[in-house]
Each structure stands twice: as structure tokens, then as C-alpha cells.
Amino acid sequence: MSDVRHVLVLPDRDAAEEVAEELSDRFGLAEEPQLVRDALAGEDDAEDAQWLVVVEDPEGRLDPAALDALAAEHEGWLEAP
């Protein structure tokens, strides 16, 4: 089975940190989600950066619908694989 990686896109760092914390609490993750700053193409203004929360899911046990719902609570979404 191939490793699964989920990428949640959030509007700002605060939202990304909250989601990362909730992911660990809610889903009992084996490792901490990674936070990655994603500057939008062509944008120089740091305020326009989105934040990605990258979740490794080697067993493929996380429910994408639940991840998307969690991201949506923070005005974000789950990237399609």
C-alpha cells in the first residue's frame, strides 16, 4: 500500500496551527502534521500566503471527508490528491 499524504489548505498561520492541533487531538496522529507556508504564485505580499497542513497517513486510515470538514471549520479545504 502506498503512503497517503493529505494536504489541507488554510487561509492563515493561526488557522493552520489550530487545525494541526485539532488533527492530533481528534485523530491521534503518529506524527505531528507539518505546517508549510505557500505563497500564492505571483504574489509578493506575505499577507496573501496560504498555509498548508500536511498530514502523513501511511495506513490510509484518515477519512478525507472528516479532514475536509475540519478544514472547512477554519475557512479552508482539503486538496484533492
N, C-alpha and C. Protein backbone atom coordinates (compact mmCIF):
# COMPACT_ATOMS: atom_id res chain seq x y z
N MET A 1 0.86 -1.20 0.00
CA MET A 1 0.00 0.00 0.00
C MET A 1 0.89 1.25 0.00
N SER A 2 0.55 2.18 -0.85
CA SER A 2 1.37 3.40 -0.92
C SER A 2 1.00 4.36 0.20
N ASP A 3 1.97 5.14 0.61
CA ASP A 3 1.72 6.13 1.65
C ASP A 3 0.73 7.17 1.14
N VAL A 4 -0.14 7.59 2.03
CA VAL A 4 -1.11 8.63 1.69
C VAL A 4 -0.69 9.91 2.40
N ARG A 5 -0.77 11.02 1.68
CA ARG A 5 -0.47 12.32 2.27
C ARG A 5 -1.66 13.22 2.00
N HIS A 6 -2.19 13.80 3.08
CA HIS A 6 -3.32 14.73 2.95
C HIS A 6 -2.78 16.15 3.10
N VAL A 7 -3.27 17.05 2.26
CA VAL A 7 -2.85 18.44 2.33
C VAL A 7 -4.09 19.30 2.54
N LEU A 8 -4.14 19.97 3.69
CA LEU A 8 -5.24 20.88 3.99
C LEU A 8 -4.74 22.30 3.75
N VAL A 9 -5.52 23.11 3.06
CA VAL A 9 -5.15 24.48 2.73
C VAL A 9 -5.93 25.42 3.63
N LEU A 10 -5.20 26.28 4.37
CA LEU A 10 -5.84 27.20 5.30
C LEU A 10 -5.48 28.63 4.95
N PRO A 11 -6.34 29.58 5.35
CA PRO A 11 -6.13 30.97 4.95
C PRO A 11 -4.97 31.67 5.65
N ASP A 12 -4.60 31.22 6.85
CA ASP A 12 -3.51 31.91 7.56
C ASP A 12 -2.86 30.96 8.57
N ARG A 13 -1.77 31.43 9.16
CA ARG A 13 -0.99 30.59 10.06
C ARG A 13 -1.77 30.19 11.31
N ASP A 14 -2.53 31.12 11.86
CA ASP A 14 -3.31 30.80 13.06
C ASP A 14 -4.27 29.64 12.80
N ALA A 15 -4.97 29.71 11.68
CA ALA A 15 -5.91 28.64 11.33
C ALA A 15 -5.16 27.32 11.14
N ALA A 16 -4.01 27.38 10.47
CA ALA A 16 -3.22 26.17 10.22
C ALA A 16 -2.75 25.55 11.53
N GLU A 17 -2.31 26.38 12.48
CA GLU A 17 -1.85 25.86 13.77
C GLU A 17 -3.01 25.23 14.54
N GLU A 18 -4.17 25.86 14.50
CA GLU A 18 -5.35 25.31 15.19
C GLU A 18 -5.74 23.96 14.59
N VAL A 19 -5.75 23.89 13.26
CA VAL A 19 -6.13 22.65 12.59
C VAL A 19 -5.12 21.55 12.89
N ALA A 20 -3.83 21.88 12.87
CA ALA A 20 -2.80 20.88 13.17
C ALA A 20 -3.00 20.31 14.57
N GLU A 21 -3.30 21.19 15.52
CA GLU A 21 -3.52 20.76 16.90
C GLU A 21 -4.76 19.87 16.99
N GLU A 22 -5.84 20.30 16.34
CA GLU A 22 -7.08 19.52 16.37
C GLU A 22 -6.91 18.16 15.70
N LEU A 23 -6.13 18.13 14.62
CA LEU A 23 -5.88 16.86 13.94
C LEU A 23 -5.22 15.87 14.89
N SER A 24 -4.22 16.34 15.62
CA SER A 24 -3.52 15.46 16.55
C SER A 24 -4.46 14.97 17.64
N ASP A 25 -5.29 15.90 18.18
CA ASP A 25 -6.22 15.53 19.25
C ASP A 25 -7.31 14.58 18.75
N ARG A 26 -7.89 14.94 17.61
CA ARG A 26 -9.05 14.20 17.10
C ARG A 26 -8.71 12.84 16.52
N PHE A 27 -7.59 12.79 15.81
CA PHE A 27 -7.27 11.57 15.07
C PHE A 27 -6.11 10.78 15.65
N GLY A 28 -5.51 11.27 16.74
CA GLY A 28 -4.40 10.56 17.38
C GLY A 28 -3.29 10.23 16.40
N LEU A 29 -2.78 11.26 15.74
CA LEU A 29 -1.76 11.05 14.71
C LEU A 29 -0.45 10.53 15.30
N ALA A 30 0.22 9.67 14.54
CA ALA A 30 1.51 9.12 14.96
C ALA A 30 2.59 10.20 14.93
N GLU A 31 2.50 11.10 13.95
CA GLU A 31 3.47 12.20 13.90
C GLU A 31 2.77 13.52 13.69
N GLU A 32 3.41 14.58 14.16
CA GLU A 32 2.83 15.93 14.05
C GLU A 32 2.64 16.31 12.59
N PRO A 33 1.51 16.94 12.27
CA PRO A 33 1.35 17.47 10.91
C PRO A 33 2.39 18.56 10.65
N GLN A 34 2.80 18.70 9.41
CA GLN A 34 3.75 19.75 9.02
C GLN A 34 2.98 20.99 8.61
N LEU A 35 3.49 22.16 9.02
CA LEU A 35 2.92 23.41 8.54
C LEU A 35 3.86 23.97 7.48
N VAL A 36 3.28 24.34 6.35
CA VAL A 36 4.08 24.85 5.23
C VAL A 36 3.45 26.13 4.73
N ARG A 37 4.24 27.19 4.62
CA ARG A 37 3.73 28.46 4.08
C ARG A 37 3.77 28.36 2.56
N ASP A 38 2.66 28.69 1.95
CA ASP A 38 2.53 28.56 0.50
C ASP A 38 2.19 29.92 -0.09
N ALA A 39 3.21 30.64 -0.55
CA ALA A 39 2.97 31.95 -1.16
C ALA A 39 2.25 31.73 -2.49
N LEU A 40 1.20 32.47 -2.72
CA LEU A 40 0.45 32.32 -3.96
C LEU A 40 1.30 32.81 -5.13
N ALA A 41 1.22 32.10 -6.21
CA ALA A 41 2.02 32.43 -7.39
C ALA A 41 1.82 33.89 -7.81
N GLY A 42 2.92 34.59 -7.98
CA GLY A 42 2.84 35.96 -8.46
C GLY A 42 2.54 36.98 -7.37
N GLU A 43 2.36 36.54 -6.14
CA GLU A 43 2.06 37.46 -5.05
C GLU A 43 3.32 37.72 -4.22
N ASP A 44 3.66 38.98 -4.04
CA ASP A 44 4.81 39.32 -3.22
C ASP A 44 4.41 39.63 -1.78
N ASP A 45 3.16 39.96 -1.59
CA ASP A 45 2.67 40.35 -0.27
C ASP A 45 2.53 39.13 0.63
N ALA A 46 3.27 39.10 1.73
CA ALA A 46 3.25 37.95 2.64
C ALA A 46 1.84 37.69 3.19
N GLU A 47 1.02 38.72 3.23
CA GLU A 47 -0.34 38.54 3.75
C GLU A 47 -1.18 37.64 2.85
N ASP A 48 -0.75 37.48 1.60
CA ASP A 48 -1.51 36.66 0.67
C ASP A 48 -1.08 35.19 0.68
N ALA A 49 -0.21 34.83 1.62
CA ALA A 49 0.23 33.44 1.69
C ALA A 49 -0.85 32.57 2.33
N GLN A 50 -1.03 31.39 1.75
CA GLN A 50 -1.87 30.39 2.40
C GLN A 50 -0.94 29.49 3.21
N TRP A 51 -1.52 28.75 4.11
CA TRP A 51 -0.74 27.79 4.89
C TRP A 51 -1.27 26.40 4.62
N LEU A 52 -0.35 25.47 4.45
CA LEU A 52 -0.72 24.08 4.22
C LEU A 52 -0.43 23.28 5.48
N VAL A 53 -1.33 22.39 5.80
CA VAL A 53 -1.10 21.42 6.87
C VAL A 53 -0.98 20.07 6.17
N VAL A 54 0.22 19.49 6.27
CA VAL A 54 0.50 18.23 5.58
C VAL A 54 0.45 17.10 6.60
N VAL A 55 -0.42 16.13 6.34
CA VAL A 55 -0.62 15.01 7.26
C VAL A 55 -0.21 13.72 6.57
N GLU A 56 0.78 13.05 7.14
CA GLU A 56 1.18 11.74 6.61
C GLU A 56 0.19 10.71 7.16
N ASP A 57 -0.29 9.84 6.29
CA ASP A 57 -1.29 8.84 6.67
C ASP A 57 -0.87 7.49 6.07
N PRO A 58 0.23 6.91 6.60
CA PRO A 58 0.79 5.71 5.98
C PRO A 58 -0.19 4.52 5.90
N GLU A 59 -1.10 4.43 6.86
CA GLU A 59 -2.06 3.32 6.81
C GLU A 59 -3.32 3.67 6.03
N GLY A 60 -3.42 4.92 5.59
CA GLY A 60 -4.61 5.34 4.84
C GLY A 60 -5.87 5.24 5.69
N ARG A 61 -5.76 5.56 7.00
CA ARG A 61 -6.90 5.37 7.89
C ARG A 61 -7.69 6.65 8.16
N LEU A 62 -7.18 7.80 7.71
CA LEU A 62 -7.91 9.05 7.93
C LEU A 62 -9.00 9.22 6.88
N ASP A 63 -10.14 9.70 7.32
CA ASP A 63 -11.28 9.90 6.43
C ASP A 63 -11.17 11.27 5.76
N PRO A 64 -10.97 11.29 4.43
CA PRO A 64 -10.85 12.59 3.74
C PRO A 64 -12.04 13.52 4.00
N ALA A 65 -13.25 12.97 4.11
CA ALA A 65 -14.42 13.82 4.36
C ALA A 65 -14.32 14.50 5.72
N ALA A 66 -13.81 13.78 6.71
CA ALA A 66 -13.64 14.36 8.05
C ALA A 66 -12.56 15.43 8.04
N LEU A 67 -11.48 15.19 7.28
CA LEU A 67 -10.41 16.19 7.17
C LEU A 67 -10.92 17.45 6.48
N ASP A 68 -11.69 17.27 5.42
CA ASP A 68 -12.24 18.40 4.68
C ASP A 68 -13.18 19.20 5.57
N ALA A 69 -14.00 18.50 6.36
CA ALA A 69 -14.93 19.18 7.27
C ALA A 69 -14.16 19.99 8.32
N LEU A 70 -13.09 19.43 8.85
CA LEU A 70 -12.27 20.15 9.83
C LEU A 70 -11.66 21.40 9.20
N ALA A 71 -11.11 21.26 8.00
CA ALA A 71 -10.53 22.41 7.30
C ALA A 71 -11.60 23.47 7.05
N ALA A 72 -12.80 23.02 6.66
CA ALA A 72 -13.90 23.95 6.35
C ALA A 72 -14.30 24.77 7.58
N GLU A 73 -14.18 24.16 8.76
CA GLU A 73 -14.49 24.90 10.00
C GLU A 73 -13.57 26.12 10.17
N HIS A 74 -12.42 26.08 9.49
CA HIS A 74 -11.44 27.17 9.59
C HIS A 74 -11.26 27.88 8.25
N GLU A 75 -12.31 27.84 7.42
CA GLU A 75 -12.31 28.51 6.11
C GLU A 75 -11.24 27.97 5.16
N GLY A 76 -10.99 26.69 5.29
CA GLY A 76 -10.02 26.06 4.40
C GLY A 76 -10.65 24.87 3.69
N TRP A 77 -9.82 24.03 3.08
CA TRP A 77 -10.30 22.87 2.36
C TRP A 77 -9.20 21.83 2.27
N LEU A 78 -9.60 20.61 1.91
CA LEU A 78 -8.67 19.52 1.68
C LEU A 78 -8.35 19.50 0.20
N GLU A 79 -7.06 19.55 -0.14
CA GLU A 79 -6.64 19.46 -1.55
C GLU A 79 -6.99 18.08 -2.08
N ALA A 80 -7.45 18.01 -3.30
CA ALA A 80 -7.70 16.71 -3.92
C ALA A 80 -6.34 16.04 -4.15
N PRO A 81 -6.26 14.73 -3.92
CA PRO A 81 -4.97 14.04 -4.10
C PRO A 81 -4.51 14.04 -5.54
